[in-house]
């Protein structure tokens, strides 16, 4: 499967926009990216393992509910990590 990395997080992935991983769930795919690019996990998830406030995850273009990250995925799926901008 492919995990699409937002521009703000590409410092950790050394500029990589799309990371190919083998995983059976959404959370496992994030862990697989972390294994290749340490530091990625903490950008997406808080210390309690919850998705950070300004992060949204989309599976094949559909936004995932925050409680649905143990959802099974297929090899052909695309998980997009999207970040919002904070400020005022």
N, C-alpha and C. Protein backbone atom coordinates (compact mmCIF):
# COMPACT_ATOMS: atom_id res chain seq x y z
N UNK A 1 0.83 -1.16 0.00
CA UNK A 1 0.00 0.00 0.00
C UNK A 1 0.88 1.23 0.00
N UNK A 2 0.28 2.36 -0.30
CA UNK A 2 1.01 3.63 -0.35
C UNK A 2 0.51 4.54 0.76
N UNK A 3 1.45 5.18 1.45
CA UNK A 3 1.12 6.23 2.41
C UNK A 3 1.62 7.54 1.81
N UNK A 4 0.71 8.47 1.60
CA UNK A 4 1.07 9.77 1.06
C UNK A 4 1.40 10.72 2.21
N UNK A 5 2.57 11.33 2.11
CA UNK A 5 3.10 12.18 3.18
C UNK A 5 2.88 13.65 2.79
N UNK A 6 2.29 14.44 3.70
CA UNK A 6 2.08 15.86 3.39
C UNK A 6 3.40 16.63 3.36
N UNK A 7 3.44 17.73 2.62
CA UNK A 7 4.68 18.51 2.51
C UNK A 7 5.30 18.88 3.85
N UNK A 8 4.50 19.21 4.84
CA UNK A 8 5.03 19.63 6.15
C UNK A 8 5.76 18.51 6.87
N UNK A 9 5.52 17.27 6.51
CA UNK A 9 6.14 16.12 7.19
C UNK A 9 7.26 15.48 6.37
N UNK A 10 7.57 16.05 5.24
CA UNK A 10 8.57 15.43 4.37
C UNK A 10 10.00 15.65 4.82
N UNK A 11 10.22 16.46 5.83
CA UNK A 11 11.57 16.58 6.40
C UNK A 11 11.99 15.26 7.01
N UNK A 12 11.07 14.64 7.73
CA UNK A 12 11.34 13.34 8.35
C UNK A 12 11.55 12.27 7.29
N UNK A 13 10.80 12.35 6.19
CA UNK A 13 10.91 11.32 5.14
C UNK A 13 11.94 11.70 4.08
N UNK A 14 12.73 12.71 4.39
CA UNK A 14 13.79 13.16 3.48
C UNK A 14 13.25 13.48 2.08
N UNK A 15 12.10 14.13 2.06
CA UNK A 15 11.51 14.58 0.80
C UNK A 15 10.60 13.57 0.12
N UNK A 16 10.50 12.38 0.65
CA UNK A 16 9.67 11.34 0.03
C UNK A 16 8.20 11.70 0.18
N UNK A 17 7.48 11.70 -0.95
CA UNK A 17 6.06 12.04 -0.97
C UNK A 17 5.17 10.83 -0.74
N UNK A 18 5.59 9.69 -1.26
CA UNK A 18 4.80 8.47 -1.17
C UNK A 18 5.69 7.34 -0.67
N UNK A 19 5.24 6.69 0.40
CA UNK A 19 6.02 5.61 1.00
C UNK A 19 5.25 4.32 0.79
N UNK A 20 5.90 3.35 0.17
CA UNK A 20 5.27 2.05 -0.04
C UNK A 20 5.57 1.16 1.16
N UNK A 21 4.51 0.59 1.74
CA UNK A 21 4.66 -0.26 2.93
C UNK A 21 3.80 -1.51 2.78
N UNK A 22 4.15 -2.52 3.56
CA UNK A 22 3.32 -3.71 3.68
C UNK A 22 2.71 -3.68 5.06
N UNK A 23 1.38 -3.66 5.13
CA UNK A 23 0.69 -3.59 6.41
C UNK A 23 -0.74 -4.10 6.25
N UNK A 24 -1.31 -4.52 7.38
CA UNK A 24 -2.67 -5.07 7.33
C UNK A 24 -3.72 -4.14 7.91
N UNK A 25 -3.29 -3.01 8.49
CA UNK A 25 -4.25 -2.05 9.03
C UNK A 25 -3.69 -0.63 8.87
N UNK A 26 -4.56 0.33 9.12
CA UNK A 26 -4.14 1.73 9.03
C UNK A 26 -3.01 2.00 10.03
N UNK A 27 -3.20 1.60 11.28
CA UNK A 27 -2.17 1.83 12.29
C UNK A 27 -0.87 1.11 11.95
N UNK A 28 -0.97 -0.09 11.43
CA UNK A 28 0.23 -0.84 11.03
C UNK A 28 0.95 -0.13 9.89
N UNK A 29 0.21 0.52 9.01
CA UNK A 29 0.86 1.24 7.91
C UNK A 29 1.63 2.45 8.44
N UNK A 30 1.07 3.14 9.45
CA UNK A 30 1.79 4.25 10.06
C UNK A 30 3.05 3.76 10.76
N UNK A 31 2.95 2.62 11.43
CA UNK A 31 4.11 2.03 12.10
C UNK A 31 5.17 1.63 11.08
N UNK A 32 4.75 1.16 9.92
CA UNK A 32 5.69 0.76 8.87
C UNK A 32 6.44 1.97 8.32
N UNK A 33 5.74 3.09 8.19
CA UNK A 33 6.42 4.32 7.76
C UNK A 33 7.42 4.74 8.84
N UNK A 34 7.01 4.66 10.10
CA UNK A 34 7.91 4.99 11.22
C UNK A 34 9.17 4.13 11.19
N UNK A 35 9.02 2.86 10.84
CA UNK A 35 10.17 1.96 10.79
C UNK A 35 11.19 2.42 9.74
N UNK A 36 10.69 2.98 8.65
CA UNK A 36 11.58 3.47 7.59
C UNK A 36 12.08 4.89 7.87
N UNK A 37 11.23 5.69 8.52
CA UNK A 37 11.53 7.09 8.75
C UNK A 37 11.21 7.46 10.21
N UNK A 38 12.13 7.17 11.12
CA UNK A 38 11.88 7.48 12.53
C UNK A 38 11.52 8.95 12.73
N UNK A 39 10.51 9.16 13.57
CA UNK A 39 10.02 10.51 13.82
C UNK A 39 8.68 10.77 13.16
N UNK A 40 8.32 9.96 12.17
CA UNK A 40 7.06 10.17 11.47
C UNK A 40 5.86 9.93 12.39
N UNK A 41 5.92 8.87 13.15
CA UNK A 41 4.81 8.47 14.02
C UNK A 41 4.40 9.60 14.96
N UNK A 42 5.37 10.27 15.57
CA UNK A 42 5.05 11.33 16.53
C UNK A 42 4.48 12.58 15.87
N UNK A 43 4.66 12.73 14.57
CA UNK A 43 4.02 13.84 13.86
C UNK A 43 2.53 13.59 13.66
N UNK A 44 2.17 12.33 13.50
CA UNK A 44 0.79 11.95 13.20
C UNK A 44 0.00 11.64 14.47
N UNK A 45 0.62 10.93 15.40
CA UNK A 45 -0.08 10.51 16.62
C UNK A 45 0.49 11.19 17.85
N UNK A 46 -0.39 11.47 18.82
CA UNK A 46 0.06 12.07 20.07
C UNK A 46 0.59 10.98 21.01
N UNK A 47 1.11 11.34 22.18
CA UNK A 47 1.67 10.33 23.09
C UNK A 47 0.67 9.26 23.53
N UNK A 48 -0.63 9.54 23.45
CA UNK A 48 -1.65 8.56 23.82
C UNK A 48 -2.03 7.65 22.66
N UNK A 49 -1.41 7.87 21.50
CA UNK A 49 -1.71 7.05 20.33
C UNK A 49 -2.92 7.52 19.54
N UNK A 50 -3.39 8.72 19.84
CA UNK A 50 -4.52 9.30 19.12
C UNK A 50 -4.00 10.20 18.00
N UNK A 51 -4.78 10.30 16.94
CA UNK A 51 -4.39 11.18 15.84
C UNK A 51 -4.37 12.62 16.35
N UNK A 52 -3.31 13.31 16.02
CA UNK A 52 -3.17 14.70 16.46
C UNK A 52 -4.32 15.56 15.95
N UNK A 53 -4.58 16.62 16.67
CA UNK A 53 -5.73 17.49 16.41
C UNK A 53 -5.81 18.00 14.97
N UNK A 54 -4.69 18.39 14.39
CA UNK A 54 -4.71 18.99 13.06
C UNK A 54 -4.35 18.00 11.96
N UNK A 55 -4.46 16.71 12.25
CA UNK A 55 -4.15 15.68 11.26
C UNK A 55 -5.44 14.93 10.91
N UNK A 56 -5.62 14.67 9.63
CA UNK A 56 -6.73 13.86 9.14
C UNK A 56 -6.14 12.74 8.29
N UNK A 57 -6.74 11.58 8.35
CA UNK A 57 -6.31 10.45 7.52
C UNK A 57 -7.43 10.11 6.55
N UNK A 58 -7.03 9.87 5.30
CA UNK A 58 -7.98 9.51 4.25
C UNK A 58 -7.54 8.18 3.65
N UNK A 59 -8.47 7.26 3.53
CA UNK A 59 -8.20 5.98 2.90
C UNK A 59 -8.91 5.95 1.57
N UNK A 60 -8.13 5.92 0.49
CA UNK A 60 -8.67 5.95 -0.87
C UNK A 60 -9.62 7.14 -1.08
N UNK A 61 -9.25 8.28 -0.48
CA UNK A 61 -10.01 9.51 -0.67
C UNK A 61 -11.13 9.74 0.33
N UNK A 62 -11.44 8.76 1.16
CA UNK A 62 -12.51 8.91 2.15
C UNK A 62 -11.90 9.15 3.53
N UNK A 63 -12.36 10.20 4.22
CA UNK A 63 -11.83 10.50 5.55
C UNK A 63 -12.20 9.39 6.53
N UNK A 64 -11.22 8.98 7.29
CA UNK A 64 -11.45 7.95 8.30
C UNK A 64 -11.91 8.59 9.60
N UNK A 65 -12.93 8.03 10.23
CA UNK A 65 -13.28 8.50 11.58
C UNK A 65 -12.10 8.22 12.51
N UNK A 66 -11.89 9.06 13.47
CA UNK A 66 -10.74 8.95 14.38
C UNK A 66 -10.69 7.62 15.12
N UNK A 67 -11.83 6.97 15.32
CA UNK A 67 -11.84 5.71 16.05
C UNK A 67 -11.70 4.49 15.13
N UNK A 68 -11.45 4.70 13.85
CA UNK A 68 -11.46 3.61 12.88
C UNK A 68 -10.08 3.29 12.31
N UNK A 69 -9.03 3.50 13.10
CA UNK A 69 -7.68 3.32 12.58
C UNK A 69 -7.16 1.90 12.65
N UNK A 70 -7.96 1.00 13.21
CA UNK A 70 -7.58 -0.41 13.18
C UNK A 70 -8.20 -1.11 11.97
N UNK A 71 -8.79 -0.34 11.09
CA UNK A 71 -9.42 -0.87 9.87
C UNK A 71 -8.42 -1.62 9.01
N UNK A 72 -8.87 -2.73 8.48
CA UNK A 72 -8.03 -3.52 7.56
C UNK A 72 -7.84 -2.77 6.25
N UNK A 73 -6.68 -3.00 5.65
CA UNK A 73 -6.38 -2.37 4.37
C UNK A 73 -5.89 -3.41 3.39
N UNK A 74 -5.93 -3.04 2.13
CA UNK A 74 -5.48 -3.90 1.03
C UNK A 74 -4.19 -3.34 0.45
N UNK A 75 -3.47 -4.17 -0.27
CA UNK A 75 -2.20 -3.76 -0.87
C UNK A 75 -2.38 -2.61 -1.87
N UNK A 76 -3.55 -2.51 -2.47
CA UNK A 76 -3.80 -1.48 -3.47
C UNK A 76 -4.30 -0.16 -2.87
N UNK A 77 -4.47 -0.11 -1.55
CA UNK A 77 -5.01 1.09 -0.91
C UNK A 77 -3.99 2.22 -0.84
N UNK A 78 -4.53 3.44 -0.71
CA UNK A 78 -3.71 4.63 -0.53
C UNK A 78 -4.19 5.33 0.73
N UNK A 79 -3.29 5.53 1.66
CA UNK A 79 -3.58 6.28 2.89
C UNK A 79 -2.93 7.63 2.77
N UNK A 80 -3.75 8.67 2.83
CA UNK A 80 -3.24 10.04 2.74
C UNK A 80 -3.27 10.69 4.11
N UNK A 81 -2.13 11.22 4.51
CA UNK A 81 -2.03 11.99 5.75
C UNK A 81 -2.14 13.46 5.35
N UNK A 82 -3.12 14.14 5.95
CA UNK A 82 -3.38 15.55 5.61
C UNK A 82 -3.27 16.37 6.88
N UNK A 83 -2.54 17.48 6.79
CA UNK A 83 -2.39 18.35 7.95
C UNK A 83 -3.08 19.67 7.70
N UNK A 84 -3.63 20.21 8.77
CA UNK A 84 -4.23 21.54 8.71
C UNK A 84 -3.24 22.56 9.22
N UNK A 85 -3.55 23.80 8.99
CA UNK A 85 -2.70 24.87 9.48
C UNK A 85 -3.33 25.48 10.71
N UNK A 86 -2.55 25.63 11.74
CA UNK A 86 -3.04 26.26 12.97
C UNK A 86 -2.63 27.73 12.96
N UNK A 87 -3.32 28.50 13.69
CA UNK A 87 -2.96 29.90 13.80
C UNK A 87 -4.18 30.78 13.73
N UNK A 88 -3.95 32.05 13.69
CA UNK A 88 -5.12 32.92 13.70
C UNK A 88 -4.85 34.26 13.24
